Amino acid sequence: MAAPNIPPILRLPDELLVEIVAAVQDRTLSFDPESESPRSEIVASQICHRFRRAVTAASTLWTQVTLDLCRDESAELARLYLDRSAGCRIEMNLRAMDEVQAPKGLHYLSPHIGRIARLTIAFEAHQALDSIFYSFQNVVMASLEHLEISSEYDVDVSVDLSPLKLTNITSLKMTRCTPPFPPPQWMAALTHLYLSKTPGQFPGTRIFSDLSPRNSLHWFISTLTWRS
């Protein structure tokens, strides 16, 4: 039986191309979310004019935003992602590992704070953390559902969460840092609370007595083991 006369596909439809780039993106982030290798959406947008047009128009490919407050090049790349993500909700990864007088890129983030659905902050420079919270203090973060804060200090540090205005938060994770007591009012809405502490540093479970009993709070405390 002769094969049907089906015309060849001369090029991938833009929709399929975007789906392929998204699949590679998800796989890369799941294996190494902090990888500094070029991201699939960046690589694809540099192959040819058609790829660039299709990929840059797909705003959902640009919603994973990383900003290192100590690096100028990171600020410019974050600006690119913020612009191309258009009105989509975004996942924001902020890093501040060195003391800086003027954190890079926060002014780019300000107009987009209301779009952040997931926020991860890793810090060693407490001054930079204060700058982050200062930039957030006058904005209601209505889209934020998950907040994760991680300290690189050898001992737990207290983090004042009161400047944050969160209306839809459900999950909070803190590593090597402790929440304030009494807790801010928005913590009563949490359904999941994860605390990872340095041995002997966490001030007990008194934080939970101040959280509203109307929600079913799933909480977990782990102790970090340091290796020399």
N, C-alpha and C. Protein backbone atom coordinates (compact mmCIF):
# COMPACT_ATOMS: atom_id res chain seq x y z
N MET A 1 0.85 -1.18 0.00
CA MET A 1 0.00 0.00 0.00
C MET A 1 0.89 1.24 0.00
N ALA A 2 0.63 2.14 -0.90
CA ALA A 2 1.46 3.33 -1.02
C ALA A 2 1.22 4.28 0.15
N ALA A 3 2.30 4.93 0.56
CA ALA A 3 2.17 5.90 1.66
C ALA A 3 1.36 7.09 1.18
N PRO A 4 0.49 7.63 2.06
CA PRO A 4 -0.31 8.79 1.67
C PRO A 4 0.58 9.98 1.35
N ASN A 5 0.12 10.77 0.43
CA ASN A 5 0.89 11.94 -0.02
C ASN A 5 0.65 13.10 0.96
N ILE A 6 1.42 13.09 2.06
CA ILE A 6 1.29 14.12 3.10
C ILE A 6 2.42 15.12 2.93
N PRO A 7 2.08 16.37 2.79
CA PRO A 7 3.16 17.37 2.62
C PRO A 7 4.06 17.43 3.85
N PRO A 8 5.34 17.64 3.66
CA PRO A 8 6.27 17.69 4.81
C PRO A 8 6.02 18.94 5.66
N ILE A 9 6.36 18.79 6.94
CA ILE A 9 6.31 19.94 7.84
C ILE A 9 7.63 20.69 7.69
N LEU A 10 7.56 21.85 7.14
CA LEU A 10 8.78 22.59 6.84
C LEU A 10 9.35 23.29 8.05
N ARG A 11 8.52 23.57 9.05
CA ARG A 11 9.01 24.21 10.26
C ARG A 11 8.04 23.97 11.40
N LEU A 12 8.55 24.03 12.62
CA LEU A 12 7.71 23.85 13.79
C LEU A 12 6.75 25.03 13.95
N PRO A 13 5.49 24.75 14.25
CA PRO A 13 4.60 25.86 14.60
C PRO A 13 5.13 26.58 15.83
N ASP A 14 4.88 27.86 15.93
CA ASP A 14 5.38 28.64 17.06
C ASP A 14 4.90 28.08 18.39
N GLU A 15 3.64 27.61 18.44
CA GLU A 15 3.10 27.09 19.69
C GLU A 15 3.87 25.86 20.17
N LEU A 16 4.23 24.98 19.21
CA LEU A 16 4.99 23.79 19.57
C LEU A 16 6.41 24.16 20.00
N LEU A 17 7.00 25.11 19.32
CA LEU A 17 8.34 25.58 19.69
C LEU A 17 8.35 26.10 21.13
N VAL A 18 7.36 26.89 21.48
CA VAL A 18 7.27 27.45 22.83
C VAL A 18 7.11 26.33 23.86
N GLU A 19 6.30 25.30 23.53
CA GLU A 19 6.11 24.18 24.46
C GLU A 19 7.41 23.41 24.68
N ILE A 20 8.20 23.25 23.64
CA ILE A 20 9.49 22.56 23.76
C ILE A 20 10.43 23.34 24.67
N VAL A 21 10.51 24.64 24.45
CA VAL A 21 11.36 25.49 25.29
C VAL A 21 10.90 25.44 26.74
N ALA A 22 9.58 25.45 26.96
CA ALA A 22 9.04 25.39 28.33
C ALA A 22 9.39 24.07 29.00
N ALA A 23 9.34 22.97 28.24
CA ALA A 23 9.68 21.65 28.81
C ALA A 23 11.14 21.59 29.22
N VAL A 24 12.02 22.12 28.37
CA VAL A 24 13.45 22.16 28.72
C VAL A 24 13.67 23.05 29.93
N GLN A 25 12.97 24.16 29.99
CA GLN A 25 13.08 25.09 31.12
C GLN A 25 12.70 24.40 32.43
N ASP A 26 11.56 23.70 32.42
CA ASP A 26 11.10 23.01 33.64
C ASP A 26 12.08 21.94 34.08
N ARG A 27 12.62 21.21 33.14
CA ARG A 27 13.58 20.15 33.47
C ARG A 27 14.86 20.74 34.06
N THR A 28 15.35 21.82 33.47
CA THR A 28 16.58 22.46 33.95
C THR A 28 16.39 22.99 35.37
N LEU A 29 15.27 23.67 35.63
CA LEU A 29 15.04 24.26 36.94
C LEU A 29 14.81 23.20 38.00
N SER A 30 14.19 22.07 37.63
CA SER A 30 13.94 21.02 38.61
C SER A 30 15.22 20.33 39.04
N PHE A 31 16.21 20.24 38.15
CA PHE A 31 17.48 19.60 38.49
C PHE A 31 18.43 20.55 39.22
N ASP A 32 18.48 21.80 38.81
CA ASP A 32 19.43 22.75 39.40
C ASP A 32 18.85 24.16 39.31
N PRO A 33 17.97 24.53 40.27
CA PRO A 33 17.32 25.85 40.20
C PRO A 33 18.27 27.02 40.30
N GLU A 34 19.50 26.81 40.82
CA GLU A 34 20.45 27.90 40.97
C GLU A 34 21.55 27.87 39.90
N SER A 35 21.36 27.06 38.88
CA SER A 35 22.37 26.95 37.82
C SER A 35 22.56 28.29 37.13
N GLU A 36 23.83 28.60 36.82
CA GLU A 36 24.13 29.83 36.10
C GLU A 36 24.33 29.59 34.62
N SER A 37 24.03 28.38 34.16
CA SER A 37 24.10 28.09 32.73
C SER A 37 23.02 28.88 32.01
N PRO A 38 23.25 29.20 30.74
CA PRO A 38 22.23 29.94 29.99
C PRO A 38 20.90 29.19 29.99
N ARG A 39 19.82 29.89 30.26
CA ARG A 39 18.50 29.28 30.33
C ARG A 39 17.99 28.99 28.92
N SER A 40 17.10 28.01 28.81
CA SER A 40 16.61 27.57 27.51
C SER A 40 15.93 28.69 26.74
N GLU A 41 15.18 29.55 27.45
CA GLU A 41 14.49 30.63 26.76
C GLU A 41 15.47 31.66 26.19
N ILE A 42 16.59 31.87 26.90
CA ILE A 42 17.62 32.79 26.39
C ILE A 42 18.29 32.19 25.15
N VAL A 43 18.67 30.91 25.24
CA VAL A 43 19.34 30.25 24.12
C VAL A 43 18.43 30.23 22.90
N ALA A 44 17.18 29.84 23.09
CA ALA A 44 16.26 29.74 21.96
C ALA A 44 16.02 31.08 21.29
N SER A 45 15.99 32.14 22.11
CA SER A 45 15.72 33.47 21.54
C SER A 45 16.89 34.02 20.74
N GLN A 46 18.05 33.33 20.80
CA GLN A 46 19.24 33.80 20.09
C GLN A 46 19.57 32.95 18.86
N ILE A 47 18.72 31.95 18.56
CA ILE A 47 19.01 31.05 17.44
C ILE A 47 18.76 31.72 16.09
N CYS A 48 17.58 32.31 15.95
CA CYS A 48 17.24 32.97 14.69
C CYS A 48 16.11 33.96 14.95
N HIS A 49 15.78 34.76 13.97
CA HIS A 49 14.75 35.78 14.14
C HIS A 49 13.38 35.18 14.46
N ARG A 50 13.03 34.06 13.82
CA ARG A 50 11.72 33.47 14.06
C ARG A 50 11.62 32.90 15.46
N PHE A 51 12.68 32.21 15.91
CA PHE A 51 12.70 31.69 17.27
C PHE A 51 12.60 32.85 18.26
N ARG A 52 13.35 33.90 18.00
CA ARG A 52 13.34 35.05 18.91
C ARG A 52 11.94 35.65 19.01
N ARG A 53 11.28 35.80 17.86
CA ARG A 53 9.95 36.39 17.85
C ARG A 53 8.96 35.52 18.63
N ALA A 54 9.02 34.21 18.44
CA ALA A 54 8.08 33.30 19.11
C ALA A 54 8.33 33.22 20.61
N VAL A 55 9.60 33.11 20.98
CA VAL A 55 9.95 32.92 22.40
C VAL A 55 9.74 34.20 23.21
N THR A 56 10.13 35.33 22.67
CA THR A 56 9.97 36.58 23.42
C THR A 56 8.50 36.97 23.55
N ALA A 57 7.66 36.51 22.64
CA ALA A 57 6.22 36.81 22.72
C ALA A 57 5.50 35.92 23.72
N ALA A 58 6.14 34.82 24.14
CA ALA A 58 5.50 33.90 25.09
C ALA A 58 5.84 34.34 26.51
N SER A 59 5.00 35.17 27.10
CA SER A 59 5.31 35.79 28.39
C SER A 59 5.48 34.77 29.51
N THR A 60 4.82 33.60 29.41
CA THR A 60 4.93 32.61 30.48
C THR A 60 6.33 32.00 30.57
N LEU A 61 7.13 32.14 29.51
CA LEU A 61 8.51 31.61 29.56
C LEU A 61 9.43 32.50 30.40
N TRP A 62 8.97 33.69 30.76
CA TRP A 62 9.85 34.67 31.40
C TRP A 62 9.39 34.99 32.83
N THR A 63 8.75 34.03 33.46
CA THR A 63 8.19 34.29 34.80
C THR A 63 9.08 33.80 35.94
N GLN A 64 10.20 33.12 35.61
CA GLN A 64 11.15 32.66 36.63
C GLN A 64 12.28 33.68 36.71
N VAL A 65 12.17 34.62 37.63
CA VAL A 65 13.08 35.77 37.67
C VAL A 65 14.07 35.63 38.82
N THR A 66 15.36 35.79 38.51
CA THR A 66 16.42 35.76 39.52
C THR A 66 17.12 37.11 39.54
N LEU A 67 17.32 37.63 40.76
CA LEU A 67 18.01 38.91 40.90
C LEU A 67 19.04 38.81 42.01
N ASP A 68 20.32 38.93 41.64
CA ASP A 68 21.41 39.00 42.60
C ASP A 68 21.69 40.49 42.86
N LEU A 69 21.42 40.93 44.07
CA LEU A 69 21.50 42.35 44.39
C LEU A 69 22.93 42.89 44.36
N CYS A 70 23.91 42.00 44.20
CA CYS A 70 25.30 42.43 44.22
C CYS A 70 25.90 42.52 42.81
N ARG A 71 25.13 42.18 41.78
CA ARG A 71 25.69 42.09 40.43
C ARG A 71 24.88 42.93 39.45
N ASP A 72 25.56 43.82 38.76
CA ASP A 72 24.89 44.67 37.77
C ASP A 72 24.29 43.86 36.64
N GLU A 73 25.02 42.84 36.17
CA GLU A 73 24.53 42.06 35.04
C GLU A 73 23.27 41.29 35.40
N SER A 74 23.17 40.88 36.67
CA SER A 74 21.96 40.19 37.12
C SER A 74 20.77 41.13 37.12
N ALA A 75 21.00 42.38 37.49
CA ALA A 75 19.92 43.37 37.50
C ALA A 75 19.37 43.58 36.09
N GLU A 76 20.25 43.66 35.09
CA GLU A 76 19.80 43.88 33.73
C GLU A 76 19.04 42.67 33.19
N LEU A 77 19.50 41.47 33.56
CA LEU A 77 18.80 40.27 33.11
C LEU A 77 17.43 40.16 33.78
N ALA A 78 17.36 40.50 35.06
CA ALA A 78 16.07 40.49 35.76
C ALA A 78 15.11 41.48 35.12
N ARG A 79 15.63 42.63 34.74
CA ARG A 79 14.78 43.64 34.06
C ARG A 79 14.20 43.08 32.77
N LEU A 80 15.02 42.33 32.01
CA LEU A 80 14.56 41.71 30.78
C LEU A 80 13.41 40.75 31.04
N TYR A 81 13.57 39.90 32.07
CA TYR A 81 12.52 38.93 32.41
C TYR A 81 11.25 39.63 32.89
N LEU A 82 11.40 40.66 33.68
CA LEU A 82 10.23 41.38 34.18
C LEU A 82 9.45 42.02 33.05
N ASP A 83 10.15 42.57 32.08
CA ASP A 83 9.49 43.20 30.94
C ASP A 83 8.80 42.16 30.06
N ARG A 84 9.48 41.05 29.79
CA ARG A 84 8.91 40.05 28.88
C ARG A 84 7.83 39.20 29.53
N SER A 85 7.77 39.15 30.85
CA SER A 85 6.72 38.38 31.51
C SER A 85 5.38 39.10 31.48
N ALA A 86 5.38 40.33 31.01
CA ALA A 86 4.15 41.12 30.83
C ALA A 86 3.34 41.12 32.13
N GLY A 87 2.06 40.74 32.06
CA GLY A 87 1.22 40.80 33.26
C GLY A 87 1.11 39.50 34.00
N CYS A 88 1.94 38.49 33.66
CA CYS A 88 1.86 37.19 34.31
C CYS A 88 2.32 37.26 35.77
N ARG A 89 1.80 36.35 36.57
CA ARG A 89 2.34 36.19 37.92
C ARG A 89 3.73 35.58 37.81
N ILE A 90 4.63 36.00 38.70
CA ILE A 90 6.03 35.60 38.58
C ILE A 90 6.52 34.91 39.85
N GLU A 91 7.59 34.13 39.67
CA GLU A 91 8.34 33.57 40.78
C GLU A 91 9.65 34.34 40.88
N MET A 92 9.90 34.93 42.03
CA MET A 92 11.06 35.82 42.21
C MET A 92 12.07 35.19 43.15
N ASN A 93 13.32 35.13 42.69
CA ASN A 93 14.41 34.59 43.50
C ASN A 93 15.42 35.70 43.73
N LEU A 94 15.51 36.19 44.98
CA LEU A 94 16.41 37.28 45.33
C LEU A 94 17.59 36.74 46.12
N ARG A 95 18.81 37.20 45.76
CA ARG A 95 20.01 36.77 46.46
C ARG A 95 20.81 38.00 46.89
N ALA A 96 21.32 37.96 48.13
CA ALA A 96 22.14 39.06 48.65
C ALA A 96 23.22 38.45 49.55
N MET A 97 24.37 38.12 48.96
CA MET A 97 25.42 37.41 49.67
C MET A 97 26.57 38.30 50.12
N ASP A 98 26.58 39.54 49.69
CA ASP A 98 27.65 40.46 50.08
C ASP A 98 27.03 41.78 50.53
N GLU A 99 27.75 42.47 51.41
CA GLU A 99 27.29 43.79 51.83
C GLU A 99 27.42 44.76 50.65
N VAL A 100 26.35 45.47 50.37
CA VAL A 100 26.36 46.44 49.29
C VAL A 100 25.72 47.73 49.78
N GLN A 101 26.26 48.85 49.36
CA GLN A 101 25.69 50.14 49.75
C GLN A 101 24.38 50.41 49.02
N ALA A 102 24.32 50.02 47.76
CA ALA A 102 23.11 50.25 46.96
C ALA A 102 22.76 48.95 46.23
N PRO A 103 21.84 48.16 46.77
CA PRO A 103 21.48 46.90 46.12
C PRO A 103 21.05 47.13 44.67
N LYS A 104 21.55 46.28 43.78
CA LYS A 104 21.31 46.45 42.36
C LYS A 104 19.94 45.90 41.97
N GLY A 105 19.20 46.66 41.19
CA GLY A 105 18.01 46.14 40.54
C GLY A 105 16.70 46.25 41.28
N LEU A 106 16.70 46.65 42.55
CA LEU A 106 15.44 46.72 43.29
C LEU A 106 14.47 47.72 42.67
N HIS A 107 15.00 48.78 42.07
CA HIS A 107 14.11 49.76 41.45
C HIS A 107 13.42 49.18 40.23
N TYR A 108 14.02 48.18 39.58
CA TYR A 108 13.35 47.50 38.48
C TYR A 108 12.17 46.66 38.99
N LEU A 109 12.33 46.11 40.19
CA LEU A 109 11.33 45.19 40.73
C LEU A 109 10.08 45.92 41.24
N SER A 110 10.24 47.13 41.73
CA SER A 110 9.16 47.84 42.42
C SER A 110 7.83 47.82 41.68
N PRO A 111 7.77 48.13 40.37
CA PRO A 111 6.46 48.15 39.69
C PRO A 111 5.80 46.78 39.54
N HIS A 112 6.57 45.71 39.84
CA HIS A 112 6.09 44.35 39.58
C HIS A 112 5.82 43.57 40.87
N ILE A 113 5.96 44.19 42.02
CA ILE A 113 5.83 43.48 43.29
C ILE A 113 4.47 42.81 43.42
N GLY A 114 3.43 43.47 42.94
CA GLY A 114 2.09 42.90 43.05
C GLY A 114 1.88 41.65 42.23
N ARG A 115 2.82 41.32 41.33
CA ARG A 115 2.70 40.11 40.49
C ARG A 115 3.43 38.91 41.07
N ILE A 116 4.16 39.09 42.16
CA ILE A 116 4.97 37.99 42.70
C ILE A 116 4.07 36.98 43.41
N ALA A 117 4.08 35.74 42.92
CA ALA A 117 3.29 34.67 43.53
C ALA A 117 4.15 33.81 44.47
N ARG A 118 5.42 33.72 44.16
CA ARG A 118 6.35 32.94 44.97
C ARG A 118 7.63 33.75 45.12
N LEU A 119 8.06 33.95 46.35
CA LEU A 119 9.24 34.78 46.61
C LEU A 119 10.24 34.00 47.45
N THR A 120 11.47 33.87 46.94
CA THR A 120 12.55 33.21 47.66
C THR A 120 13.66 34.23 47.88
N ILE A 121 14.09 34.37 49.13
CA ILE A 121 15.16 35.30 49.47
C ILE A 121 16.27 34.53 50.17
N ALA A 122 17.47 34.57 49.61
CA ALA A 122 18.65 33.99 50.25
C ALA A 122 19.61 35.13 50.55
N PHE A 123 20.00 35.26 51.82
CA PHE A 123 20.82 36.42 52.17
C PHE A 123 21.92 36.04 53.15
N GLU A 124 23.00 36.79 53.05
CA GLU A 124 24.05 36.78 54.07
C GLU A 124 24.27 38.21 54.55
N ALA A 125 23.94 39.15 53.69
CA ALA A 125 24.08 40.56 54.04
C ALA A 125 22.75 41.07 54.59
N HIS A 126 22.69 41.26 55.90
CA HIS A 126 21.44 41.68 56.53
C HIS A 126 21.01 43.05 56.04
N GLN A 127 21.96 43.91 55.70
CA GLN A 127 21.63 45.24 55.19
C GLN A 127 20.82 45.14 53.91
N ALA A 128 21.20 44.21 53.03
CA ALA A 128 20.47 44.03 51.78
C ALA A 128 19.07 43.50 52.04
N LEU A 129 18.92 42.61 53.02
CA LEU A 129 17.59 42.11 53.38
C LEU A 129 16.70 43.26 53.84
N ASP A 130 17.26 44.16 54.64
CA ASP A 130 16.49 45.33 55.09
C ASP A 130 16.06 46.18 53.89
N SER A 131 16.93 46.31 52.90
CA SER A 131 16.59 47.08 51.70
C SER A 131 15.45 46.42 50.93
N ILE A 132 15.47 45.10 50.87
CA ILE A 132 14.40 44.37 50.19
C ILE A 132 13.07 44.64 50.87
N PHE A 133 13.04 44.46 52.19
CA PHE A 133 11.79 44.66 52.92
C PHE A 133 11.33 46.12 52.86
N TYR A 134 12.28 47.04 52.84
CA TYR A 134 11.92 48.46 52.74
C TYR A 134 11.22 48.74 51.42
N SER A 135 11.69 48.10 50.35
CA SER A 135 11.06 48.32 49.04
C SER A 135 9.68 47.70 48.97
N PHE A 136 9.39 46.74 49.86
CA PHE A 136 8.10 46.06 49.86
C PHE A 136 7.08 46.71 50.80
N GLN A 137 7.52 47.56 51.71
CA GLN A 137 6.68 47.93 52.84
C GLN A 137 5.42 48.72 52.49
N ASN A 138 5.41 49.43 51.38
CA ASN A 138 4.24 50.23 51.03
C ASN A 138 3.39 49.60 49.94
N VAL A 139 3.63 48.32 49.66
CA VAL A 139 2.91 47.64 48.59
C VAL A 139 2.21 46.40 49.16
N VAL A 140 0.94 46.25 48.84
CA VAL A 140 0.22 45.03 49.20
C VAL A 140 0.59 43.94 48.21
N MET A 141 1.18 42.87 48.70
CA MET A 141 1.61 41.77 47.83
C MET A 141 0.46 40.77 47.71
N ALA A 142 -0.54 41.15 46.94
CA ALA A 142 -1.79 40.41 46.88
C ALA A 142 -1.65 39.05 46.21
N SER A 143 -0.65 38.87 45.35
CA SER A 143 -0.49 37.60 44.63
C SER A 143 0.39 36.60 45.37
N LEU A 144 1.12 37.06 46.39
CA LEU A 144 2.12 36.19 47.03
C LEU A 144 1.44 35.10 47.87
N GLU A 145 1.75 33.84 47.54
CA GLU A 145 1.21 32.70 48.27
C GLU A 145 2.29 31.94 49.03
N HIS A 146 3.52 31.98 48.52
CA HIS A 146 4.61 31.21 49.14
C HIS A 146 5.81 32.12 49.35
N LEU A 147 6.31 32.15 50.58
CA LEU A 147 7.48 32.96 50.92
C LEU A 147 8.53 32.06 51.56
N GLU A 148 9.76 32.16 51.04
CA GLU A 148 10.87 31.36 51.58
C GLU A 148 12.06 32.29 51.83
N ILE A 149 12.58 32.25 53.06
CA ILE A 149 13.72 33.09 53.44
C ILE A 149 14.81 32.20 54.01
N SER A 150 16.03 32.35 53.50
CA SER A 150 17.14 31.51 53.92
C SER A 150 18.34 32.38 54.26
N SER A 151 18.92 32.16 55.44
CA SER A 151 20.10 32.89 55.87
C SER A 151 21.33 32.02 55.72
N GLU A 152 22.44 32.64 55.35
CA GLU A 152 23.71 31.93 55.22
C GLU A 152 24.61 32.14 56.44
N TYR A 153 24.09 32.78 57.49
CA TYR A 153 24.85 32.94 58.72
C TYR A 153 25.02 31.59 59.41
N ASP A 154 26.05 31.48 60.27
CA ASP A 154 26.29 30.23 60.99
C ASP A 154 25.33 30.05 62.16
N VAL A 155 24.68 31.11 62.57
CA VAL A 155 23.69 31.04 63.65
C VAL A 155 22.39 31.65 63.15
N ASP A 156 21.30 31.28 63.79
CA ASP A 156 20.01 31.82 63.38
C ASP A 156 19.96 33.32 63.65
N VAL A 157 19.32 34.03 62.75
CA VAL A 157 19.13 35.47 62.91
C VAL A 157 17.63 35.76 62.93
N SER A 158 17.26 36.77 63.65
CA SER A 158 15.86 37.16 63.72
C SER A 158 15.52 38.02 62.51
N VAL A 159 14.41 37.74 61.89
CA VAL A 159 13.97 38.48 60.71
C VAL A 159 12.61 39.12 61.00
N ASP A 160 12.58 40.42 60.90
CA ASP A 160 11.34 41.17 61.14
C ASP A 160 10.48 41.13 59.87
N LEU A 161 9.37 40.42 59.93
CA LEU A 161 8.50 40.27 58.78
C LEU A 161 7.37 41.29 58.75
N SER A 162 7.32 42.14 59.76
CA SER A 162 6.18 43.06 59.89
C SER A 162 6.04 44.05 58.73
N PRO A 163 7.14 44.46 57.99
CA PRO A 163 6.93 45.39 56.89
C PRO A 163 6.13 44.80 55.73
N LEU A 164 6.03 43.48 55.65
CA LEU A 164 5.37 42.85 54.52
C LEU A 164 3.85 42.90 54.68
N LYS A 165 3.17 43.28 53.62
CA LYS A 165 1.70 43.33 53.60
C LYS A 165 1.21 42.20 52.70
N LEU A 166 0.84 41.10 53.30
CA LEU A 166 0.47 39.90 52.56
C LEU A 166 -0.98 39.55 52.85
N THR A 167 -1.76 39.35 51.79
CA THR A 167 -3.19 39.09 51.96
C THR A 167 -3.60 37.68 51.57
N ASN A 168 -2.76 36.97 50.81
CA ASN A 168 -3.12 35.63 50.34
C ASN A 168 -2.03 34.60 50.63
N ILE A 169 -1.16 34.89 51.58
CA ILE A 169 -0.06 33.99 51.91
C ILE A 169 -0.60 32.70 52.53
N THR A 170 -0.05 31.56 52.11
CA THR A 170 -0.45 30.27 52.69
C THR A 170 0.74 29.47 53.19
N SER A 171 1.95 29.76 52.69
CA SER A 171 3.11 28.94 53.03
C SER A 171 4.31 29.82 53.33
N LEU A 172 4.98 29.52 54.45
CA LEU A 172 6.19 30.25 54.85
C LEU A 172 7.26 29.24 55.23
N LYS A 173 8.45 29.41 54.66
CA LYS A 173 9.60 28.56 54.98
C LYS A 173 10.76 29.45 55.38
N MET A 174 11.37 29.17 56.54
CA MET A 174 12.50 29.97 57.01
C MET A 174 13.64 29.03 57.41
N THR A 175 14.83 29.30 56.88
CA THR A 175 16.00 28.48 57.14
C THR A 175 17.08 29.33 57.80
N ARG A 176 17.53 28.89 58.97
CA ARG A 176 18.53 29.59 59.77
C ARG A 176 18.11 31.02 60.10
N CYS A 177 16.84 31.25 60.22
CA CYS A 177 16.33 32.53 60.67
C CYS A 177 15.00 32.30 61.39
N THR A 178 14.68 33.16 62.30
CA THR A 178 13.50 32.97 63.15
C THR A 178 12.47 34.05 62.89
N PRO A 179 11.19 33.68 62.93
CA PRO A 179 10.13 34.69 62.75
C PRO A 179 10.00 35.54 64.00
N PRO A 180 9.39 36.70 63.88
CA PRO A 180 9.25 37.59 65.05
C PRO A 180 8.20 37.06 66.02
N PHE A 181 8.29 37.52 67.25
CA PHE A 181 7.27 37.21 68.25
C PHE A 181 6.89 38.50 68.98
N PRO A 182 5.61 38.85 69.02
CA PRO A 182 4.50 38.14 68.40
C PRO A 182 4.55 38.21 66.88
N PRO A 183 3.92 37.23 66.22
CA PRO A 183 4.00 37.19 64.75
C PRO A 183 3.11 38.26 64.12
N PRO A 184 3.42 38.66 62.90
CA PRO A 184 2.53 39.61 62.21
C PRO A 184 1.17 38.98 61.96
N GLN A 185 0.17 39.79 61.78
CA GLN A 185 -1.20 39.32 61.69
C GLN A 185 -1.41 38.37 60.51
N TRP A 186 -0.70 38.61 59.40
CA TRP A 186 -0.92 37.78 58.22
C TRP A 186 -0.49 36.33 58.42
N MET A 187 0.34 36.05 59.44
CA MET A 187 0.76 34.67 59.67
C MET A 187 -0.40 33.79 60.14
N ALA A 188 -1.49 34.42 60.58
CA ALA A 188 -2.65 33.65 60.99
C ALA A 188 -3.30 32.92 59.81
N ALA A 189 -3.01 33.36 58.59
CA ALA A 189 -3.62 32.74 57.41
C ALA A 189 -2.79 31.57 56.88
N LEU A 190 -1.64 31.31 57.48
CA LEU A 190 -0.77 30.24 56.98
C LEU A 190 -1.43 28.87 57.12
N THR A 191 -1.21 28.04 56.10
CA THR A 191 -1.59 26.63 56.20
C THR A 191 -0.36 25.73 56.30
N HIS A 192 0.81 26.26 55.93
CA HIS A 192 2.05 25.49 56.01
C HIS A 192 3.18 26.41 56.52
N LEU A 193 3.88 25.92 57.54
CA LEU A 193 5.00 26.66 58.13
C LEU A 193 6.16 25.70 58.33
N TYR A 194 7.30 26.02 57.70
CA TYR A 194 8.50 25.19 57.78
C TYR A 194 9.62 26.02 58.40
N LEU A 195 10.22 25.51 59.47
CA LEU A 195 11.31 26.21 60.13
C LEU A 195 12.50 25.26 60.25
N SER A 196 13.64 25.63 59.65
CA SER A 196 14.87 24.86 59.78
C SER A 196 15.84 25.69 60.60
N LYS A 197 16.31 25.12 61.70
CA LYS A 197 17.07 25.90 62.66
C LYS A 197 18.45 25.32 62.90
N THR A 198 19.34 26.18 63.39
CA THR A 198 20.62 25.73 63.91
C THR A 198 20.39 25.17 65.31
N PRO A 199 21.01 24.05 65.69
CA PRO A 199 20.78 23.46 67.01
C PRO A 199 20.94 24.47 68.13
N GLY A 200 19.92 24.53 69.00
CA GLY A 200 19.98 25.39 70.17
C GLY A 200 19.62 26.83 69.92
N GLN A 201 19.28 27.19 68.68
CA GLN A 201 19.05 28.59 68.36
C GLN A 201 17.57 28.99 68.36
N PHE A 202 16.68 28.04 68.13
CA PHE A 202 15.27 28.42 67.97
C PHE A 202 14.60 28.60 69.34
N PRO A 203 13.83 29.67 69.52
CA PRO A 203 13.27 29.98 70.83
C PRO A 203 12.01 29.21 71.17
N GLY A 204 11.96 27.92 70.82
CA GLY A 204 10.81 27.13 71.22
C GLY A 204 9.65 27.27 70.25
N THR A 205 8.48 26.78 70.67
CA THR A 205 7.31 26.76 69.79
C THR A 205 6.27 27.79 70.20
N ARG A 206 6.66 28.83 70.92
CA ARG A 206 5.69 29.82 71.37
C ARG A 206 5.04 30.56 70.21
N ILE A 207 5.70 30.55 69.04
CA ILE A 207 5.16 31.23 67.88
C ILE A 207 3.79 30.68 67.52
N PHE A 208 3.59 29.37 67.75
CA PHE A 208 2.35 28.75 67.30
C PHE A 208 1.16 29.12 68.17
N SER A 209 1.38 29.47 69.41
CA SER A 209 0.27 29.81 70.29
C SER A 209 -0.41 31.10 69.88
N ASP A 210 0.29 31.93 69.08
CA ASP A 210 -0.27 33.20 68.65
C ASP A 210 -0.93 33.12 67.27
N LEU A 211 -0.87 31.96 66.64
CA LEU A 211 -1.48 31.82 65.33
C LEU A 211 -2.93 31.39 65.46
N SER A 212 -3.77 31.88 64.58
CA SER A 212 -5.20 31.66 64.67
C SER A 212 -5.55 30.18 64.58
N PRO A 213 -6.41 29.67 65.48
CA PRO A 213 -6.79 28.26 65.42
C PRO A 213 -7.82 27.96 64.33
N ARG A 214 -8.30 29.00 63.63
CA ARG A 214 -9.34 28.74 62.64
C ARG A 214 -8.81 28.04 61.40
N ASN A 215 -7.52 28.07 61.19
CA ASN A 215 -6.93 27.39 60.05
C ASN A 215 -6.20 26.13 60.51
N SER A 216 -6.18 25.14 59.63
CA SER A 216 -5.44 23.92 59.92
C SER A 216 -3.99 24.16 59.52
N LEU A 217 -3.14 24.42 60.49
CA LEU A 217 -1.75 24.76 60.22
C LEU A 217 -0.88 23.51 60.27
N HIS A 218 -0.22 23.22 59.15
CA HIS A 218 0.74 22.13 59.09
C HIS A 218 2.12 22.73 59.31
N TRP A 219 2.77 22.39 60.43
CA TRP A 219 4.06 22.99 60.69
C TRP A 219 5.12 21.93 60.88
N PHE A 220 6.35 22.30 60.55
CA PHE A 220 7.46 21.37 60.58
C PHE A 220 8.72 22.11 61.01
N ILE A 221 9.40 21.58 62.01
CA ILE A 221 10.66 22.16 62.47
C ILE A 221 11.75 21.11 62.31
N SER A 222 12.82 21.48 61.64
CA SER A 222 13.95 20.56 61.49
C SER A 222 15.20 21.22 62.04
N THR A 223 16.17 20.39 62.41
CA THR A 223 17.45 20.88 62.92
C THR A 223 18.53 20.63 61.88
N LEU A 224 19.24 21.69 61.53
CA LEU A 224 20.31 21.57 60.55
C LEU A 224 21.54 20.93 61.18
N THR A 225 22.16 20.03 60.47
CA THR A 225 23.38 19.38 60.93
C THR A 225 24.56 19.97 60.16
N TRP A 226 25.48 20.55 60.91
CA TRP A 226 26.65 21.17 60.27
C TRP A 226 27.78 20.15 60.14
N ARG A 227 28.43 20.17 58.99
CA ARG A 227 29.56 19.27 58.76
C ARG A 227 30.82 20.08 58.58
N SER A 228 31.88 19.65 59.19
CA SER A 228 33.15 20.38 59.05
C SER A 228 33.91 19.86 57.85
